Amino acid sequence: MARAVLLLFALFAFLTVLRGLRIFFEAVRRGSAPGRPPVPPAREGDMVRDPVCGTWVPPSESLALRTGHEIHYFCSAECRESFRKSA
């Protein structure tokens, strides 16, 4: 029983590392890796960047705020409120 639990834990850790590597290499491909300037989304379905903290999020999962003719996308309500207060 203990071996099964240990094996499941090792499998979970391995899959978590693989997921992290996939996310890192997607960020490198998009141009948001550390030390490189961010690349803005080019087409629908790409990620959008939170102007407050710089996090990349899918538009469908982000919170939006319209200022004039511009729409800004945020990863959280805290970032949206911070932006709203500073604007």
Protein backbone atom coordinates (compact mmCIF):
# COMPACT_ATOMS: atom_id res chain seq x y z
CA MET A 1 0.00 0.00 0.00
CA ALA A 2 2.79 2.42 0.90
CA ARG A 3 4.53 1.69 -2.41
CA ALA A 4 1.35 2.51 -4.32
CA VAL A 5 1.01 5.84 -2.52
CA LEU A 6 4.68 6.63 -3.13
CA LEU A 7 4.31 5.71 -6.81
CA LEU A 8 1.25 7.95 -7.18
CA PHE A 9 3.08 10.81 -5.48
CA ALA A 10 6.11 10.38 -7.78
CA LEU A 11 3.84 10.28 -10.85
CA PHE A 12 2.04 13.44 -9.71
CA ALA A 13 5.37 15.23 -9.14
CA PHE A 14 6.66 14.16 -12.55
CA LEU A 15 3.49 15.38 -14.31
CA THR A 16 3.67 18.68 -12.42
CA VAL A 17 7.25 19.21 -13.62
CA LEU A 18 6.22 18.43 -17.21
CA ARG A 19 3.34 20.91 -16.98
CA GLY A 20 5.70 23.60 -15.67
CA LEU A 21 8.12 22.98 -18.52
CA ARG A 22 5.30 23.21 -21.06
CA ILE A 23 4.15 26.54 -19.58
CA PHE A 24 7.74 27.86 -19.58
CA PHE A 25 8.38 26.91 -23.20
CA GLU A 26 5.04 28.40 -24.28
CA ALA A 27 6.08 31.64 -22.56
CA VAL A 28 9.43 31.57 -24.37
CA ARG A 29 7.67 30.97 -27.68
CA ARG A 30 5.31 33.91 -27.02
CA GLY A 31 8.23 36.16 -26.10
CA SER A 32 7.41 36.70 -22.43
CA ALA A 33 10.44 34.92 -21.01
CA PRO A 34 12.58 36.83 -18.48
CA GLY A 35 14.94 39.25 -20.18
CA ARG A 36 12.93 39.45 -23.40
CA PRO A 37 10.36 42.10 -24.26
CA PRO A 38 6.75 40.88 -24.28
CA VAL A 39 5.05 40.17 -27.58
CA PRO A 40 1.44 41.39 -27.74
CA PRO A 41 -1.25 38.95 -28.83
CA ALA A 42 -1.55 38.78 -32.61
CA ARG A 43 -4.87 37.06 -33.11
CA GLU A 44 -8.02 35.91 -31.35
CA GLY A 45 -7.42 33.10 -28.90
CA ASP A 46 -3.95 34.30 -27.87
CA MET A 47 -3.12 35.36 -24.36
CA VAL A 48 -3.50 38.95 -23.14
CA ARG A 49 -1.19 40.63 -20.65
CA ASP A 50 -2.38 42.16 -17.40
CA PRO A 51 -1.07 45.78 -17.41
CA VAL A 52 -0.65 45.80 -13.61
CA CYS A 53 1.29 42.61 -12.81
CA GLY A 54 2.26 41.42 -16.30
CA THR A 55 0.58 38.02 -16.03
CA TRP A 56 -0.53 36.46 -19.31
CA VAL A 57 -4.13 35.18 -19.26
CA PRO A 58 -6.59 33.89 -21.87
CA PRO A 59 -9.13 36.63 -22.73
CA SER A 60 -11.98 34.24 -21.92
CA GLU A 61 -10.69 33.83 -18.34
CA SER A 62 -9.70 37.46 -17.73
CA LEU A 63 -11.55 40.40 -16.21
CA ALA A 64 -12.01 43.32 -18.59
CA LEU A 65 -12.21 47.05 -18.05
CA ARG A 66 -13.10 49.52 -20.80
CA THR A 67 -11.44 52.94 -20.64
CA GLY A 68 -12.61 55.12 -23.50
CA HIS A 69 -12.08 53.08 -26.67
CA GLU A 70 -9.58 50.67 -25.09
CA ILE A 71 -10.26 47.38 -23.32
CA HIS A 72 -7.78 46.28 -20.68
CA TYR A 73 -7.64 42.67 -19.45
CA PHE A 74 -6.71 41.62 -15.91
CA CYS A 75 -5.86 38.35 -14.18
CA SER A 76 -7.72 39.26 -10.97
CA ALA A 77 -10.14 41.72 -9.42
CA GLU A 78 -7.27 43.13 -7.34
CA CYS A 79 -5.27 44.05 -10.45
CA ARG A 80 -8.34 45.57 -12.09
CA GLU A 81 -9.07 47.71 -9.02
CA SER A 82 -5.43 48.78 -8.75
CA PHE A 83 -5.51 49.88 -12.40
CA ARG A 84 -8.85 51.65 -11.94
CA LYS A 85 -7.50 53.59 -8.94
CA SER A 86 -4.32 54.66 -10.75
CA ALA A 87 -6.13 55.77 -13.91
